[in-house]
Amino acid sequence: MNHKPATQLPWKLSEAFPYIVTTPSDRIAETLGSDRAIKNDNAAYIAHAANAYPRLVSYLEDALVFVDYVADNGNNEADMVAHGIRTLLRELGEAP
């Protein structure tokens, strides 16, 4: 159930129209908003989030391995952290 973008990364803002998100395959998406500033902010957020997502998931998976190791050695706080990481990965659709 891993979430993958339909087009390859990185996504970026269009130079001509900063409320447009472009991809390497030249697919575009116009962001929603009531005015140009909101559209620009939404587009910047979307591009940033899309590009950061694969690294976020990778780091969470790596952290889970470490935290599980610590939890297996009797650390109850690490067990709670591991539970939180698993919950977040499930919410992202990236459950291990």
Protein backbone atom coordinates (compact mmCIF):
# COMPACT_ATOMS: atom_id res chain seq x y z
CA MET A 1 0.00 0.00 0.00
CA ASN A 2 3.00 2.30 -0.34
CA HIS A 3 2.18 5.71 -1.70
CA LYS A 4 4.23 6.58 -4.74
CA PRO A 5 3.82 9.66 -6.93
CA ALA A 6 2.31 9.04 -10.35
CA THR A 7 5.18 11.03 -11.82
CA GLN A 8 8.81 10.96 -10.79
CA LEU A 9 10.34 13.40 -8.32
CA PRO A 10 11.44 16.10 -7.83
CA TRP A 11 8.38 18.24 -8.19
CA LYS A 12 8.95 21.97 -8.41
CA LEU A 13 7.17 25.23 -8.90
CA SER A 14 6.72 26.53 -12.40
CA GLU A 15 9.00 29.50 -13.02
CA ALA A 16 6.36 31.30 -15.07
CA PHE A 17 3.39 30.45 -12.82
CA PRO A 18 4.39 29.73 -9.18
CA TYR A 19 0.93 28.37 -8.38
CA ILE A 20 1.61 25.48 -10.78
CA VAL A 21 3.49 22.38 -9.63
CA THR A 22 5.51 20.72 -12.39
CA THR A 23 7.18 17.33 -12.57
CA PRO A 24 10.09 15.93 -14.60
CA SER A 25 7.58 14.46 -17.05
CA ASP A 26 6.03 17.94 -17.50
CA ARG A 27 2.77 17.03 -15.83
CA ILE A 28 1.29 19.99 -14.07
CA ALA A 29 -1.27 20.67 -11.40
CA GLU A 30 -2.77 24.03 -10.55
CA THR A 31 -3.25 24.49 -6.84
CA LEU A 32 -6.45 25.67 -5.28
CA GLY A 33 -6.93 28.88 -3.40
CA SER A 34 -8.92 32.06 -3.35
CA ASP A 35 -6.06 34.27 -4.49
CA ARG A 36 -2.64 34.01 -6.12
CA ALA A 37 -0.68 34.23 -2.83
CA ILE A 38 -2.61 31.31 -1.35
CA LYS A 39 -2.17 29.30 -4.55
CA ASN A 40 1.59 30.02 -4.52
CA ASP A 41 1.90 28.97 -0.88
CA ASN A 42 -0.11 25.80 -1.54
CA ALA A 43 2.04 24.90 -4.54
CA ALA A 44 5.26 25.44 -2.57
CA TYR A 45 3.95 23.24 0.24
CA ILE A 46 2.84 20.47 -2.15
CA ALA A 47 6.18 20.37 -3.96
CA HIS A 48 8.13 20.41 -0.67
CA ALA A 49 6.00 17.67 0.89
CA ALA A 50 6.12 15.44 -2.19
CA ASN A 51 9.90 15.70 -2.42
CA ALA A 52 10.44 15.11 1.33
CA TYR A 53 7.99 12.18 1.65
CA PRO A 54 10.30 9.33 0.50
CA ARG A 55 13.08 10.47 2.87
CA LEU A 56 10.62 10.81 5.75
CA VAL A 57 9.37 7.26 5.31
CA SER A 58 12.92 5.92 4.96
CA TYR A 59 14.08 7.68 8.14
CA LEU A 60 11.04 6.48 10.07
CA GLU A 61 11.70 2.89 8.97
CA ASP A 62 15.38 3.19 9.99
CA ALA A 63 14.45 4.75 13.33
CA LEU A 64 11.98 1.93 13.96
CA VAL A 65 14.73 -0.68 13.59
CA PHE A 66 16.87 1.15 16.17
CA VAL A 67 13.99 1.84 18.57
CA ASP A 68 12.82 -1.79 18.35
CA TYR A 69 16.33 -2.91 19.28
CA VAL A 70 16.35 -0.62 22.31
CA ALA A 71 12.82 -1.70 23.28
CA ASP A 72 13.80 -5.37 23.04
CA ASN A 73 16.42 -4.65 25.68
CA GLY A 74 13.78 -3.60 28.21
CA ASN A 75 13.35 0.10 27.55
CA ASN A 76 9.63 0.84 27.98
CA GLU A 77 9.96 4.39 26.63
CA ALA A 78 11.49 3.04 23.42
CA ASP A 79 8.54 0.66 23.14
CA MET A 80 6.16 3.65 23.27
CA VAL A 81 8.22 5.46 20.61
CA ALA A 82 8.15 2.35 18.39
CA HIS A 83 4.37 2.21 18.75
CA GLY A 84 4.14 5.87 17.72
CA ILE A 85 6.34 5.32 14.66
CA ARG A 86 4.30 2.28 13.59
CA THR A 87 1.07 4.25 14.02
CA LEU A 88 2.40 7.11 11.91
CA LEU A 89 3.64 4.75 9.18
CA ARG A 90 0.18 3.10 9.10
CA GLU A 91 -1.51 6.50 8.85
CA LEU A 92 0.79 7.32 5.93
CA GLY A 93 -0.12 4.01 4.29
CA GLU A 94 3.45 2.79 4.73
CA ALA A 95 3.04 0.20 7.51
CA PRO A 96 6.01 -2.15 7.71
